[in-house]
């Protein structure tokens, strides 16, 4: 089951995005999402809801859910932040590959799945002609 957080949940109150109405269904319910138009680079402040990809000991990896885009966030743990590491973001069509490479520095390997790409999003993955 996927988990979601708001930007405030990640940086301020450490909760999670939750809707009690999700218990009214026996199928997976997801928060609403809107598509990002890619007219400019997405910023952390633009994201309302993040999907939690990985969390352990206050270290977190998140993917932009609303707006829905190729945008990822690494939030180092408290002791990592105190030692000088900073929050990192990865945006655009190579974002997931750059994220995976960066996570190797932390000895983290994310599982990989085959996904179906909606035809309207194929331009994100196709070389420019």
N, C-alpha and C. Protein backbone atom coordinates (compact mmCIF):
# COMPACT_ATOMS: atom_id res chain seq x y z
N UNK A 1 0.84 -1.17 0.00
CA UNK A 1 0.00 0.00 0.00
C UNK A 1 0.89 1.24 0.00
N UNK A 2 0.61 2.17 -0.88
CA UNK A 2 1.43 3.39 -0.92
C UNK A 2 1.12 4.31 0.27
N UNK A 3 2.13 5.07 0.66
CA UNK A 3 1.98 6.07 1.72
C UNK A 3 2.30 7.43 1.15
N UNK A 4 1.66 8.46 1.69
CA UNK A 4 1.80 9.81 1.17
C UNK A 4 2.06 10.79 2.30
N UNK A 5 2.75 11.87 1.97
CA UNK A 5 3.02 12.94 2.92
C UNK A 5 2.85 14.28 2.22
N UNK A 6 2.49 15.28 2.98
CA UNK A 6 2.53 16.64 2.46
C UNK A 6 3.95 17.16 2.67
N UNK A 7 4.27 18.27 2.07
CA UNK A 7 5.58 18.88 2.28
C UNK A 7 5.74 19.23 3.76
N UNK A 8 4.67 19.68 4.39
CA UNK A 8 4.71 19.99 5.82
C UNK A 8 5.00 18.73 6.63
N UNK A 9 4.41 17.60 6.25
CA UNK A 9 4.67 16.34 6.95
C UNK A 9 6.15 15.96 6.89
N UNK A 10 6.79 16.23 5.78
CA UNK A 10 8.20 15.86 5.61
C UNK A 10 9.12 16.76 6.43
N UNK A 11 8.82 18.05 6.47
CA UNK A 11 9.76 19.00 7.07
C UNK A 11 9.35 19.56 8.43
N UNK A 12 8.07 19.42 8.81
CA UNK A 12 7.62 20.09 10.04
C UNK A 12 7.04 19.12 11.06
N UNK A 13 5.94 18.46 10.72
CA UNK A 13 5.22 17.69 11.75
C UNK A 13 5.40 16.18 11.66
N UNK A 14 6.04 15.68 10.61
CA UNK A 14 6.43 14.28 10.48
C UNK A 14 5.24 13.31 10.52
N UNK A 15 4.07 13.77 10.12
CA UNK A 15 2.90 12.92 10.01
C UNK A 15 2.82 12.33 8.61
N UNK A 16 1.61 11.97 8.22
CA UNK A 16 1.40 11.49 6.85
C UNK A 16 0.04 11.95 6.36
N UNK A 17 -0.09 12.04 5.05
CA UNK A 17 -1.36 12.43 4.44
C UNK A 17 -2.31 11.25 4.55
N UNK A 18 -3.49 11.51 5.10
CA UNK A 18 -4.44 10.43 5.34
C UNK A 18 -5.85 10.96 5.23
N UNK A 19 -6.73 10.18 4.67
CA UNK A 19 -8.14 10.53 4.55
C UNK A 19 -8.96 9.39 5.15
N UNK A 20 -9.74 9.67 6.17
CA UNK A 20 -10.53 8.62 6.84
C UNK A 20 -11.50 7.93 5.88
N UNK A 21 -11.91 8.59 4.82
CA UNK A 21 -12.83 7.98 3.85
C UNK A 21 -12.20 6.82 3.10
N UNK A 22 -10.87 6.70 3.16
CA UNK A 22 -10.22 5.58 2.49
C UNK A 22 -10.66 4.25 3.08
N UNK A 23 -11.14 4.26 4.32
CA UNK A 23 -11.61 3.02 4.94
C UNK A 23 -12.98 2.59 4.41
N UNK A 24 -13.61 3.44 3.61
CA UNK A 24 -14.93 3.13 3.06
C UNK A 24 -14.85 2.23 1.84
N UNK A 25 -13.67 1.87 1.43
CA UNK A 25 -13.49 1.08 0.21
C UNK A 25 -12.59 -0.12 0.51
N UNK A 26 -12.79 -1.20 -0.24
CA UNK A 26 -11.93 -2.36 -0.08
C UNK A 26 -10.83 -2.39 -1.15
N UNK A 27 -10.66 -1.29 -1.86
CA UNK A 27 -9.59 -1.19 -2.85
C UNK A 27 -8.66 -0.04 -2.44
N UNK A 28 -7.51 0.01 -3.07
CA UNK A 28 -6.55 1.06 -2.75
C UNK A 28 -7.10 2.40 -3.19
N UNK A 29 -7.10 3.33 -2.27
CA UNK A 29 -7.54 4.70 -2.57
C UNK A 29 -6.31 5.59 -2.57
N UNK A 30 -6.27 6.49 -3.51
CA UNK A 30 -5.13 7.38 -3.66
C UNK A 30 -5.57 8.83 -3.55
N UNK A 31 -4.69 9.69 -3.07
CA UNK A 31 -5.04 11.11 -3.00
C UNK A 31 -5.22 11.68 -4.41
N UNK A 32 -5.94 12.76 -4.51
CA UNK A 32 -6.09 13.39 -5.83
C UNK A 32 -4.74 13.88 -6.34
N UNK A 33 -4.59 13.88 -7.65
CA UNK A 33 -3.34 14.39 -8.22
C UNK A 33 -3.66 15.20 -9.46
N UNK A 34 -2.80 16.15 -9.71
CA UNK A 34 -2.88 16.93 -10.94
C UNK A 34 -1.57 16.76 -11.69
N UNK A 35 -1.62 16.82 -12.98
CA UNK A 35 -0.42 16.65 -13.80
C UNK A 35 0.37 17.95 -13.86
N UNK A 36 1.69 17.86 -13.81
CA UNK A 36 2.56 19.00 -13.97
C UNK A 36 2.75 19.27 -15.45
N UNK A 37 2.81 20.53 -15.86
CA UNK A 37 2.89 20.86 -17.28
C UNK A 37 4.32 20.99 -17.82
N UNK A 38 5.32 20.92 -16.98
CA UNK A 38 6.73 20.98 -17.37
C UNK A 38 7.11 22.28 -18.08
N UNK A 39 6.35 23.34 -17.87
CA UNK A 39 6.70 24.63 -18.47
C UNK A 39 7.88 25.29 -17.74
N UNK A 40 8.10 24.88 -16.51
CA UNK A 40 9.25 25.35 -15.75
C UNK A 40 9.64 24.23 -14.78
N UNK A 41 10.81 24.37 -14.19
CA UNK A 41 11.27 23.35 -13.26
C UNK A 41 10.43 23.38 -11.99
N UNK A 42 10.06 22.23 -11.53
CA UNK A 42 9.27 22.08 -10.31
C UNK A 42 10.17 22.36 -9.10
N UNK A 43 9.60 22.98 -8.07
CA UNK A 43 10.30 23.26 -6.83
C UNK A 43 9.60 22.55 -5.68
N UNK A 44 10.30 22.33 -4.60
CA UNK A 44 9.71 21.67 -3.43
C UNK A 44 8.43 22.39 -3.01
N UNK A 45 8.47 23.71 -3.04
CA UNK A 45 7.31 24.50 -2.60
C UNK A 45 6.08 24.31 -3.49
N UNK A 46 6.27 23.81 -4.71
CA UNK A 46 5.16 23.58 -5.64
C UNK A 46 4.40 22.30 -5.34
N UNK A 47 4.98 21.41 -4.56
CA UNK A 47 4.40 20.08 -4.34
C UNK A 47 3.52 20.09 -3.10
N UNK A 48 2.29 19.64 -3.28
CA UNK A 48 1.35 19.52 -2.16
C UNK A 48 1.45 18.15 -1.51
N UNK A 49 1.54 17.09 -2.32
CA UNK A 49 1.54 15.72 -1.80
C UNK A 49 2.68 14.94 -2.44
N UNK A 50 3.40 14.17 -1.61
CA UNK A 50 4.52 13.33 -2.04
C UNK A 50 4.18 11.87 -1.77
N UNK A 51 4.58 10.99 -2.66
CA UNK A 51 4.50 9.56 -2.39
C UNK A 51 5.80 9.17 -1.68
N UNK A 52 5.66 8.41 -0.60
CA UNK A 52 6.83 7.95 0.13
C UNK A 52 7.44 6.75 -0.60
N UNK A 53 8.68 6.89 -1.01
CA UNK A 53 9.38 5.82 -1.72
C UNK A 53 10.20 4.99 -0.74
N UNK A 54 10.85 5.69 0.22
CA UNK A 54 11.73 5.02 1.18
C UNK A 54 11.85 5.91 2.41
N UNK A 55 11.76 5.29 3.59
CA UNK A 55 12.00 6.00 4.84
C UNK A 55 12.66 5.07 5.84
N UNK A 56 13.71 5.57 6.48
CA UNK A 56 14.35 4.82 7.55
C UNK A 56 15.16 5.79 8.39
N UNK A 57 14.95 5.77 9.70
CA UNK A 57 15.71 6.60 10.63
C UNK A 57 15.74 8.07 10.22
N UNK A 58 14.63 8.63 9.88
CA UNK A 58 14.41 10.02 9.46
C UNK A 58 15.05 10.36 8.11
N UNK A 59 15.63 9.38 7.42
CA UNK A 59 16.10 9.55 6.04
C UNK A 59 14.93 9.22 5.14
N UNK A 60 14.62 10.08 4.16
CA UNK A 60 13.47 9.82 3.31
C UNK A 60 13.71 10.11 1.84
N UNK A 61 13.02 9.33 1.01
CA UNK A 61 13.02 9.54 -0.44
C UNK A 61 11.56 9.63 -0.86
N UNK A 62 11.23 10.69 -1.60
CA UNK A 62 9.84 10.97 -1.94
C UNK A 62 9.72 11.33 -3.41
N UNK A 63 8.55 11.01 -3.99
CA UNK A 63 8.25 11.35 -5.38
C UNK A 63 7.05 12.29 -5.41
N UNK A 64 7.12 13.27 -6.25
CA UNK A 64 6.02 14.23 -6.37
C UNK A 64 4.75 13.51 -6.85
N UNK A 65 3.67 13.68 -6.09
CA UNK A 65 2.38 13.08 -6.45
C UNK A 65 1.42 14.13 -6.98
N UNK A 66 1.34 15.25 -6.27
CA UNK A 66 0.46 16.32 -6.71
C UNK A 66 1.19 17.65 -6.55
N UNK A 67 1.68 18.20 -7.63
CA UNK A 67 1.50 17.75 -9.01
C UNK A 67 2.31 16.49 -9.31
N UNK A 68 1.81 15.73 -10.26
CA UNK A 68 2.43 14.47 -10.66
C UNK A 68 3.48 14.76 -11.70
N UNK A 69 4.75 14.46 -11.37
CA UNK A 69 5.85 14.78 -12.27
C UNK A 69 7.06 13.93 -11.94
N UNK A 70 8.04 13.94 -12.82
CA UNK A 70 9.32 13.29 -12.56
C UNK A 70 10.12 14.23 -11.67
N UNK A 71 9.84 14.17 -10.39
CA UNK A 71 10.49 15.04 -9.42
C UNK A 71 10.63 14.27 -8.11
N UNK A 72 11.85 14.15 -7.63
CA UNK A 72 12.14 13.34 -6.45
C UNK A 72 12.89 14.18 -5.42
N UNK A 73 12.73 13.79 -4.18
CA UNK A 73 13.33 14.51 -3.06
C UNK A 73 14.04 13.51 -2.15
N UNK A 74 15.28 13.83 -1.79
CA UNK A 74 15.99 13.08 -0.75
C UNK A 74 16.11 14.01 0.45
N UNK A 75 15.59 13.58 1.59
CA UNK A 75 15.75 14.34 2.83
C UNK A 75 16.66 13.52 3.74
N UNK A 76 17.91 13.99 3.94
CA UNK A 76 18.84 13.26 4.80
C UNK A 76 18.34 13.22 6.25
N UNK A 77 18.83 12.27 7.00
CA UNK A 77 18.48 12.16 8.42
C UNK A 77 19.05 13.37 9.18
N UNK A 78 18.61 13.53 10.41
CA UNK A 78 19.03 14.69 11.21
C UNK A 78 20.54 14.75 11.38
N UNK A 79 21.16 13.62 11.71
CA UNK A 79 22.60 13.66 11.91
C UNK A 79 23.35 13.92 10.59
N UNK A 80 22.78 13.49 9.47
CA UNK A 80 23.40 13.79 8.17
C UNK A 80 23.30 15.28 7.87
N UNK A 81 22.14 15.88 8.18
CA UNK A 81 21.97 17.32 7.97
C UNK A 81 22.95 18.10 8.84
N UNK A 82 23.13 17.65 10.08
CA UNK A 82 24.06 18.32 10.99
C UNK A 82 25.51 18.21 10.51
N UNK A 83 25.82 17.14 9.77
CA UNK A 83 27.18 16.97 9.27
C UNK A 83 27.40 17.63 7.91
N UNK A 84 26.40 18.36 7.43
CA UNK A 84 26.58 19.14 6.22
C UNK A 84 25.85 18.68 4.97
N UNK A 85 25.24 17.51 4.99
CA UNK A 85 24.45 17.09 3.82
C UNK A 85 23.21 17.96 3.71
N UNK A 86 22.74 18.15 2.51
CA UNK A 86 21.57 18.98 2.28
C UNK A 86 20.46 18.18 1.60
N UNK A 87 19.26 18.73 1.64
CA UNK A 87 18.13 18.17 0.90
C UNK A 87 18.49 18.24 -0.58
N UNK A 88 18.18 17.17 -1.32
CA UNK A 88 18.48 17.13 -2.75
C UNK A 88 17.20 16.85 -3.54
N UNK A 89 17.11 17.43 -4.73
CA UNK A 89 15.99 17.15 -5.62
C UNK A 89 16.52 16.72 -6.98
N UNK A 90 15.68 15.97 -7.69
CA UNK A 90 16.00 15.46 -9.02
C UNK A 90 14.77 15.68 -9.89
N UNK A 91 14.93 16.39 -11.00
CA UNK A 91 13.80 16.77 -11.84
C UNK A 91 14.08 16.43 -13.29
N UNK A 92 13.04 16.03 -14.01
CA UNK A 92 13.12 15.84 -15.45
C UNK A 92 13.23 14.39 -15.88
N UNK A 93 13.45 14.20 -17.17
CA UNK A 93 13.35 12.86 -17.73
C UNK A 93 14.45 11.92 -17.26
N UNK A 94 15.57 12.41 -16.75
CA UNK A 94 16.62 11.54 -16.23
C UNK A 94 16.61 11.50 -14.70
N UNK A 95 15.59 12.06 -14.09
CA UNK A 95 15.55 12.19 -12.63
C UNK A 95 15.63 10.85 -11.90
N UNK A 96 14.89 9.87 -12.36
CA UNK A 96 14.88 8.59 -11.63
C UNK A 96 16.24 7.90 -11.70
N UNK A 97 16.91 7.97 -12.84
CA UNK A 97 18.25 7.37 -12.96
C UNK A 97 19.25 8.10 -12.07
N UNK A 98 19.19 9.44 -12.04
CA UNK A 98 20.09 10.21 -11.19
C UNK A 98 19.81 9.94 -9.72
N UNK A 99 18.54 9.79 -9.37
CA UNK A 99 18.16 9.47 -7.99
C UNK A 99 18.75 8.12 -7.58
N UNK A 100 18.55 7.11 -8.42
CA UNK A 100 19.06 5.76 -8.10
C UNK A 100 20.57 5.77 -7.93
N UNK A 101 21.27 6.50 -8.80
CA UNK A 101 22.73 6.59 -8.67
C UNK A 101 23.14 7.28 -7.37
N UNK A 102 22.44 8.32 -7.01
CA UNK A 102 22.76 9.03 -5.77
C UNK A 102 22.49 8.15 -4.56
N UNK A 103 21.42 7.38 -4.59
CA UNK A 103 21.09 6.51 -3.46
C UNK A 103 22.14 5.42 -3.25
N UNK A 104 22.84 5.05 -4.30
CA UNK A 104 23.92 4.07 -4.14
C UNK A 104 25.00 4.60 -3.20
N UNK A 105 25.18 5.94 -3.17
CA UNK A 105 26.14 6.54 -2.24
C UNK A 105 25.73 6.29 -0.79
N UNK A 106 24.45 6.07 -0.56
CA UNK A 106 23.93 5.78 0.78
C UNK A 106 23.71 4.28 0.98
N UNK A 107 24.16 3.49 0.00
CA UNK A 107 23.98 2.03 0.02
C UNK A 107 22.50 1.64 0.04
N UNK A 108 21.70 2.37 -0.70
CA UNK A 108 20.26 2.10 -0.79
C UNK A 108 19.96 1.72 -2.24
N UNK A 109 19.34 0.57 -2.41
CA UNK A 109 18.90 0.13 -3.73
C UNK A 109 17.39 0.00 -3.71
N UNK A 110 16.75 0.80 -4.53
CA UNK A 110 15.30 0.75 -4.61
C UNK A 110 14.87 -0.39 -5.51
N UNK A 111 13.75 -1.05 -5.20
CA UNK A 111 13.26 -2.09 -6.10
C UNK A 111 12.82 -1.47 -7.43
N UNK A 112 12.94 -2.23 -8.49
CA UNK A 112 12.53 -1.76 -9.80
C UNK A 112 11.38 -2.61 -10.30
N UNK A 113 10.41 -1.95 -10.92
CA UNK A 113 9.23 -2.62 -11.43
C UNK A 113 9.02 -2.20 -12.88
N UNK A 114 8.41 -3.05 -13.65
CA UNK A 114 8.00 -2.68 -14.99
C UNK A 114 6.74 -1.84 -14.86
N UNK A 115 6.74 -0.69 -15.53
CA UNK A 115 5.57 0.18 -15.44
C UNK A 115 5.03 0.44 -16.84
N UNK A 116 3.77 0.76 -16.89
CA UNK A 116 3.13 1.14 -18.13
C UNK A 116 3.12 2.66 -18.18
N UNK A 117 3.55 3.22 -19.28
CA UNK A 117 3.57 4.67 -19.43
C UNK A 117 2.39 5.08 -20.28
N UNK A 118 1.60 6.00 -19.77
CA UNK A 118 0.47 6.54 -20.50
C UNK A 118 1.00 7.20 -21.78
N UNK A 119 0.38 6.93 -22.94
CA UNK A 119 0.88 7.49 -24.21
C UNK A 119 1.06 9.01 -24.18
N UNK A 120 0.24 9.72 -23.44
CA UNK A 120 0.38 11.18 -23.38
C UNK A 120 1.66 11.60 -22.67
N UNK A 121 2.28 10.68 -21.91
CA UNK A 121 3.51 10.99 -21.20
C UNK A 121 4.75 10.49 -21.92
N UNK A 122 4.58 9.86 -23.08
CA UNK A 122 5.73 9.30 -23.78
C UNK A 122 6.76 10.35 -24.17
N UNK A 123 6.34 11.57 -24.40
CA UNK A 123 7.29 12.62 -24.77
C UNK A 123 8.35 12.81 -23.69
N UNK A 124 8.03 12.46 -22.45
CA UNK A 124 9.00 12.61 -21.37
C UNK A 124 10.18 11.66 -21.54
N UNK A 125 9.91 10.52 -22.18
CA UNK A 125 10.91 9.47 -22.28
C UNK A 125 11.50 9.32 -23.67
N UNK A 126 11.03 10.12 -24.61
CA UNK A 126 11.51 10.02 -25.99
C UNK A 126 12.56 11.09 -26.24
N UNK A 127 13.56 10.77 -27.05
CA UNK A 127 14.55 11.80 -27.39
C UNK A 127 13.90 12.90 -28.23
N UNK A 128 14.36 14.10 -28.05
CA UNK A 128 13.83 15.24 -28.83
C UNK A 128 14.34 15.11 -30.27
N UNK A 129 13.46 15.35 -31.21
CA UNK A 129 13.84 15.28 -32.65
C UNK A 129 14.13 16.67 -33.18
